[in-house]
Amino acid sequence: MSTLPKPHRWTREQYERVVRLGGFEPGQRLELIDGQIVDMAPQNEPHAVALCLLDEALRRAYGDGYVVRIQSRLALDAASAPEPDLAVVPGEPRDFLASHPSYAVLLVEIADTTLAYDRSTKRALYARNAVPEYWLANLVQGVLEVYRNPQGSEYLEHRVLRKGETLVPNGASRAVAVADLLP
């Protein structure tokens, strides 16, 4: 009887230790998702524009007491260290000198080539870790998918918003217009 070899599953601590020691190629964009190291897709121009638009809008909506982190690691669970396009976390920038945040009030992924992955794998990961709100800036269809109220590996609430609509992000003091978020 033969057995198949098992892939090595990484813990977040192992992954972060290798990152600190310079074990990956400089400039290589990686993230740890459910124990697997995943190559991140390169940004195209619409993705970069959406990142700037979302950053500006979220900084205005949240104000003091929150940090909008751009493509920065989140210490989400023992086997995951994703780098969402944007994460809104309570606190001040210097609060994260010793370690990456483990909680966010809002996570945003910008998707064109990664739409299916962000809609399935990333959404389930964020729901399992009780992220209260997840946005998927769907550049393919030009809409904002809003997921709220995590339960297990799903979100109980899902809305698709178009330009012309507004919403108040979780914990924010101001509403944002969807037209201000999408290229």
C-alpha atoms as a PDB file:
ATOM      1  CA  MET A   1       0.000   0.000   0.000  1.00  0.00           C
ATOM      2  CA  SER A   2       1.456   3.349  -0.988  1.00  0.00           C
ATOM      3  CA  THR A   3       0.764   6.664   0.634  1.00  0.00           C
ATOM      4  CA  LEU A   4       0.865  10.046  -0.983  1.00  0.00           C
ATOM      5  CA  PRO A   5       3.277  12.610   0.374  1.00  0.00           C
ATOM      6  CA  LYS A   6       1.660  15.347   2.433  1.00  0.00           C
ATOM      7  CA  PRO A   7       2.384  18.995   1.722  1.00  0.00           C
ATOM      8  CA  HIS A   8       3.928  20.957   4.571  1.00  0.00           C
ATOM      9  CA  ARG A   9       1.356  23.142   6.322  1.00  0.00           C
ATOM     10  CA  TRP A  10       2.856  26.347   7.671  1.00  0.00           C
ATOM     11  CA  THR A  11       1.875  28.036  10.894  1.00  0.00           C
ATOM     12  CA  ARG A  12       1.736  31.806  11.026  1.00  0.00           C
ATOM     13  CA  GLU A  13       4.669  31.793  13.489  1.00  0.00           C
ATOM     14  CA  GLN A  14       6.837  29.708  11.119  1.00  0.00           C
ATOM     15  CA  TYR A  15       5.942  31.921   8.182  1.00  0.00           C
ATOM     16  CA  GLU A  16       6.677  35.146  10.080  1.00  0.00           C
ATOM     17  CA  ARG A  17      10.024  33.759  11.288  1.00  0.00           C
ATOM     18  CA  VAL A  18      11.083  32.969   7.692  1.00  0.00           C
ATOM     19  CA  VAL A  19       9.964  36.456   6.601  1.00  0.00           C
ATOM     20  CA  ARG A  20      12.006  38.071   9.412  1.00  0.00           C
ATOM     21  CA  LEU A  21      15.076  36.024   8.460  1.00  0.00           C
ATOM     22  CA  GLY A  22      14.803  37.083   4.808  1.00  0.00           C
ATOM     23  CA  GLY A  23      13.964  33.594   3.594  1.00  0.00           C
ATOM     24  CA  PHE A  24      11.940  34.749   0.594  1.00  0.00           C
ATOM     25  CA  GLU A  25      13.061  36.644  -2.488  1.00  0.00           C
ATOM     26  CA  PRO A  26      13.093  40.438  -1.958  1.00  0.00           C
ATOM     27  CA  GLY A  27       9.965  42.009  -3.410  1.00  0.00           C
ATOM     28  CA  GLN A  28       8.176  38.667  -3.676  1.00  0.00           C
ATOM     29  CA  ARG A  29       4.511  39.232  -2.816  1.00  0.00           C
ATOM     30  CA  LEU A  30       3.304  36.327  -0.671  1.00  0.00           C
ATOM     31  CA  GLU A  31       0.664  35.672   1.952  1.00  0.00           C
ATOM     32  CA  LEU A  32      -0.160  32.727   4.188  1.00  0.00           C
ATOM     33  CA  ILE A  33      -3.705  31.425   3.746  1.00  0.00           C
ATOM     34  CA  ASP A  34      -4.876  28.394   5.727  1.00  0.00           C
ATOM     35  CA  GLY A  35      -1.333  27.078   6.108  1.00  0.00           C
ATOM     36  CA  GLN A  36      -0.332  27.507   2.456  1.00  0.00           C
ATOM     37  CA  ILE A  37       1.985  30.160   1.063  1.00  0.00           C
ATOM     38  CA  VAL A  38       0.235  31.845  -1.852  1.00  0.00           C
ATOM     39  CA  ASP A  39       1.715  34.118  -4.537  1.00  0.00           C
ATOM     40  CA  MET A  40      -0.209  37.371  -4.775  1.00  0.00           C
ATOM     41  CA  ALA A  41      -1.273  38.628  -8.180  1.00  0.00           C
ATOM     42  CA  PRO A  42       0.463  41.746  -9.505  1.00  0.00           C
ATOM     43  CA  GLN A  43      -1.524  44.982  -9.635  1.00  0.00           C
ATOM     44  CA  ASN A  44      -2.782  46.452 -12.880  1.00  0.00           C
ATOM     45  CA  GLU A  45      -3.680  50.134 -13.298  1.00  0.00           C
ATOM     46  CA  PRO A  46      -7.413  49.896 -12.380  1.00  0.00           C
ATOM     47  CA  HIS A  47      -6.451  47.957  -9.235  1.00  0.00           C
ATOM     48  CA  ALA A  48      -3.949  50.648  -8.231  1.00  0.00           C
ATOM     49  CA  VAL A  49      -6.514  53.424  -8.836  1.00  0.00           C
ATOM     50  CA  ALA A  50      -9.148  51.578  -6.786  1.00  0.00           C
ATOM     51  CA  LEU A  51      -6.622  51.160  -3.965  1.00  0.00           C
ATOM     52  CA  CYS A  52      -6.026  54.929  -3.851  1.00  0.00           C
ATOM     53  CA  LEU A  53      -9.750  55.735  -4.026  1.00  0.00           C
ATOM     54  CA  LEU A  54     -10.661  53.291  -1.255  1.00  0.00           C
ATOM     55  CA  ASP A  55      -7.799  54.502   0.937  1.00  0.00           C
ATOM     56  CA  GLU A  56      -8.895  58.149   0.670  1.00  0.00           C
ATOM     57  CA  ALA A  57     -12.575  57.388   1.245  1.00  0.00           C
ATOM     58  CA  LEU A  58     -11.973  55.111   4.237  1.00  0.00           C
ATOM     59  CA  ARG A  59      -9.607  57.551   5.932  1.00  0.00           C
ATOM     60  CA  ARG A  60     -12.296  60.253   5.658  1.00  0.00           C
ATOM     61  CA  ALA A  61     -15.062  57.898   6.869  1.00  0.00           C
ATOM     62  CA  TYR A  62     -13.200  56.607   9.924  1.00  0.00           C
ATOM     63  CA  GLY A  63     -11.047  59.488  11.132  1.00  0.00           C
ATOM     64  CA  ASP A  64      -9.134  59.376  14.422  1.00  0.00           C
ATOM     65  CA  GLY A  65      -8.860  56.136  16.365  1.00  0.00           C
ATOM     66  CA  TYR A  66      -8.576  53.921  13.280  1.00  0.00           C
ATOM     67  CA  VAL A  67      -5.714  53.027  10.981  1.00  0.00           C
ATOM     68  CA  VAL A  68      -6.242  52.221   7.302  1.00  0.00           C
ATOM     69  CA  ARG A  69      -3.487  49.738   6.438  1.00  0.00           C
ATOM     70  CA  ILE A  70      -2.652  49.151   2.793  1.00  0.00           C
ATOM     71  CA  GLN A  71      -1.527  45.681   1.710  1.00  0.00           C
ATOM     72  CA  SER A  72      -0.126  44.938   5.157  1.00  0.00           C
ATOM     73  CA  ARG A  73      -0.088  41.648   6.967  1.00  0.00           C
ATOM     74  CA  LEU A  74      -2.841  40.736   9.389  1.00  0.00           C
ATOM     75  CA  ALA A  75      -2.114  38.120  12.086  1.00  0.00           C
ATOM     76  CA  LEU A  76      -5.517  36.570  11.563  1.00  0.00           C
ATOM     77  CA  ASP A  77      -5.175  33.062  13.004  1.00  0.00           C
ATOM     78  CA  ALA A  78      -2.564  30.368  13.686  1.00  0.00           C
ATOM     79  CA  ALA A  79      -2.390  29.341  10.004  1.00  0.00           C
ATOM     80  CA  SER A  80      -3.138  32.586   8.158  1.00  0.00           C
ATOM     81  CA  ALA A  81      -1.364  35.897   7.613  1.00  0.00           C
ATOM     82  CA  PRO A  82      -3.217  37.483   4.694  1.00  0.00           C
ATOM     83  CA  GLU A  83      -2.334  40.858   3.227  1.00  0.00           C
ATOM     84  CA  PRO A  84      -5.705  42.324   2.259  1.00  0.00           C
ATOM     85  CA  ASP A  85      -5.670  45.311  -0.045  1.00  0.00           C
ATOM     86  CA  LEU A  86      -7.012  47.450   2.817  1.00  0.00           C
ATOM     87  CA  ALA A  87      -7.650  46.762   6.475  1.00  0.00           C
ATOM     88  CA  VAL A  88      -9.291  49.197   8.867  1.00  0.00           C
ATOM     89  CA  VAL A  89      -8.083  48.479  12.387  1.00  0.00           C
ATOM     90  CA  PRO A  90      -8.784  50.268  15.660  1.00  0.00           C
ATOM     91  CA  GLY A  91      -5.823  52.086  17.146  1.00  0.00           C
ATOM     92  CA  GLU A  92      -2.885  54.194  16.029  1.00  0.00           C
ATOM     93  CA  PRO A  93      -0.037  53.253  13.642  1.00  0.00           C
ATOM     94  CA  ARG A  94       2.547  52.817  16.423  1.00  0.00           C
ATOM     95  CA  ASP A  95       0.303  50.287  18.171  1.00  0.00           C
ATOM     96  CA  PHE A  96       1.616  47.717  15.680  1.00  0.00           C
ATOM     97  CA  LEU A  97       5.367  48.119  16.077  1.00  0.00           C
ATOM     98  CA  ALA A  98       5.753  44.788  17.900  1.00  0.00           C
ATOM     99  CA  SER A  99       3.236  42.740  15.923  1.00  0.00           C
ATOM    100  CA  HIS A 100       0.710  42.956  13.143  1.00  0.00           C
ATOM    101  CA  PRO A 101      -2.918  43.501  14.157  1.00  0.00           C
ATOM    102  CA  SER A 102      -5.057  40.416  14.635  1.00  0.00           C
ATOM    103  CA  TYR A 103      -8.410  42.150  14.231  1.00  0.00           C
ATOM    104  CA  ALA A 104      -9.997  44.521  11.725  1.00  0.00           C
ATOM    105  CA  VAL A 105     -13.410  46.181  11.628  1.00  0.00           C
ATOM    106  CA  LEU A 106     -13.319  46.088   7.821  1.00  0.00           C
ATOM    107  CA  LEU A 107     -11.252  44.215   5.236  1.00  0.00           C
ATOM    108  CA  VAL A 108     -11.267  45.078   1.537  1.00  0.00           C
ATOM    109  CA  GLU A 109     -10.018  43.071  -1.419  1.00  0.00           C
ATOM    110  CA  ILE A 110      -9.875  44.601  -4.889  1.00  0.00           C
ATOM    111  CA  ALA A 111     -10.575  41.961  -7.497  1.00  0.00           C
ATOM    112  CA  ASP A 112     -10.274  41.630 -11.215  1.00  0.00           C
ATOM    113  CA  THR A 113      -8.141  38.565 -11.991  1.00  0.00           C
ATOM    114  CA  THR A 114      -8.641  37.151  -8.457  1.00  0.00           C
ATOM    115  CA  LEU A 115     -12.415  37.587  -8.257  1.00  0.00           C
ATOM    116  CA  ALA A 116     -13.318  33.911  -7.725  1.00  0.00           C
ATOM    117  CA  TYR A 117     -10.559  33.406  -5.136  1.00  0.00           C
ATOM    118  CA  ASP A 118     -11.479  36.549  -3.191  1.00  0.00           C
ATOM    119  CA  ARG A 119     -15.169  35.633  -3.307  1.00  0.00           C
ATOM    120  CA  SER A 120     -14.608  32.099  -2.011  1.00  0.00           C
ATOM    121  CA  THR A 121     -11.331  31.445  -0.152  1.00  0.00           C
ATOM    122  CA  LYS A 122     -10.736  34.935   1.226  1.00  0.00           C
ATOM    123  CA  ARG A 123     -14.388  35.513   2.155  1.00  0.00           C
ATOM    124  CA  ALA A 124     -14.541  32.197   4.053  1.00  0.00           C
ATOM    125  CA  LEU A 125     -11.264  32.939   5.844  1.00  0.00           C
ATOM    126  CA  TYR A 126     -12.448  36.360   6.949  1.00  0.00           C
ATOM    127  CA  ALA A 127     -15.861  35.044   8.071  1.00  0.00           C
ATOM    128  CA  ARG A 128     -14.253  32.183  10.061  1.00  0.00           C
ATOM    129  CA  ASN A 129     -12.138  34.771  11.865  1.00  0.00           C
ATOM    130  CA  ALA A 130     -15.163  36.929  12.712  1.00  0.00           C
ATOM    131  CA  VAL A 131     -14.187  39.951  10.611  1.00  0.00           C
ATOM    132  CA  PRO A 132     -17.456  41.912  10.936  1.00  0.00           C
ATOM    133  CA  GLU A 133     -17.405  43.396   7.445  1.00  0.00           C
ATOM    134  CA  TYR A 134     -15.708  42.373   4.193  1.00  0.00           C
ATOM    135  CA  TRP A 135     -15.850  44.354   0.967  1.00  0.00           C
ATOM    136  CA  LEU A 136     -15.017  42.995  -2.433  1.00  0.00           C
ATOM    137  CA  ALA A 137     -14.358  45.798  -4.916  1.00  0.00           C
ATOM    138  CA  ASN A 138     -15.424  43.848  -7.996  1.00  0.00           C
ATOM    139  CA  LEU A 139     -13.684  45.623 -10.875  1.00  0.00           C
ATOM    140  CA  VAL A 140     -14.985  43.093 -13.415  1.00  0.00           C
ATOM    141  CA  GLN A 141     -18.613  44.169 -12.936  1.00  0.00           C
ATOM    142  CA  GLY A 142     -17.938  47.626 -11.484  1.00  0.00           C
ATOM    143  CA  VAL A 143     -19.748  46.944  -8.196  1.00  0.00           C
ATOM    144  CA  LEU A 144     -18.984  46.778  -4.485  1.00  0.00           C
ATOM    145  CA  GLU A 145     -19.925  43.486  -2.824  1.00  0.00           C
ATOM    146  CA  VAL A 146     -20.542  44.007   0.890  1.00  0.00           C
ATOM    147  CA  TYR A 147     -20.509  41.072   3.308  1.00  0.00           C
ATOM    148  CA  ARG A 148     -21.587  41.506   6.950  1.00  0.00           C
ATOM    149  CA  ASN A 149     -22.489  39.423   9.999  1.00  0.00           C
ATOM    150  CA  PRO A 150     -20.068  36.472   9.895  1.00  0.00           C
ATOM    151  CA  GLN A 151     -21.399  33.082  10.930  1.00  0.00           C
ATOM    152  CA  GLY A 152     -19.004  30.146  10.661  1.00  0.00           C
ATOM    153  CA  SER A 153     -17.338  30.382   7.250  1.00  0.00           C
ATOM    154  CA  GLU A 154     -20.088  32.513   5.688  1.00  0.00           C
ATOM    155  CA  TYR A 155     -21.555  35.974   5.991  1.00  0.00           C
ATOM    156  CA  LEU A 156     -25.286  36.186   6.687  1.00  0.00           C
ATOM    157  CA  GLU A 157     -25.714  39.513   4.896  1.00  0.00           C
ATOM    158  CA  HIS A 158     -24.614  40.147   1.307  1.00  0.00           C
ATOM    159  CA  ARG A 159     -25.384  43.252  -0.746  1.00  0.00           C
ATOM    160  CA  VAL A 160     -24.203  44.353  -4.161  1.00  0.00           C
ATOM    161  CA  LEU A 161     -23.916  48.132  -4.426  1.00  0.00           C
ATOM    162  CA  ARG A 162     -23.514  50.177  -7.588  1.00  0.00           C
ATOM    163  CA  LYS A 163     -22.341  53.686  -8.322  1.00  0.00           C
ATOM    164  CA  GLY A 164     -25.027  56.079  -7.104  1.00  0.00           C
ATOM    165  CA  GLU A 165     -25.480  54.188  -3.802  1.00  0.00           C
ATOM    166  CA  THR A 166     -23.897  54.905  -0.416  1.00  0.00           C
ATOM    167  CA  LEU A 167     -23.174  52.958   2.750  1.00  0.00           C
ATOM    168  CA  VAL A 168     -21.766  53.491   6.223  1.00  0.00           C
ATOM    169  CA  PRO A 169     -18.849  51.130   6.878  1.00  0.00           C
ATOM    170  CA  ASN A 170     -18.789  49.162  10.133  1.00  0.00           C
ATOM    171  CA  GLY A 171     -17.713  51.499  12.953  1.00  0.00           C
ATOM    172  CA  ALA A 172     -17.321  54.560  10.694  1.00  0.00           C
ATOM    173  CA  SER A 173     -18.735  57.965  11.458  1.00  0.00           C
ATOM    174  CA  ARG A 174     -19.446  58.935   7.822  1.00  0.00           C
ATOM    175  CA  ALA A 175     -21.089  57.342   4.812  1.00  0.00           C
ATOM    176  CA  VAL A 176     -19.141  56.680   1.622  1.00  0.00           C
ATOM    177  CA  ALA A 177     -20.378  56.827  -1.935  1.00  0.00           C
ATOM    178  CA  VAL A 178     -19.713  53.729  -4.025  1.00  0.00           C
ATOM    179  CA  ALA A 179     -18.813  56.032  -6.937  1.00  0.00           C
ATOM    180  CA  ASP A 180     -15.921  57.336  -4.808  1.00  0.00           C
ATOM    181  CA  LEU A 181     -14.550  53.809  -4.346  1.00  0.00           C
ATOM    182  CA  LEU A 182     -14.444  52.379  -7.850  1.00  0.00           C
ATOM    183  CA  PRO A 183     -12.397  53.559 -10.861  1.00  0.00           C
END
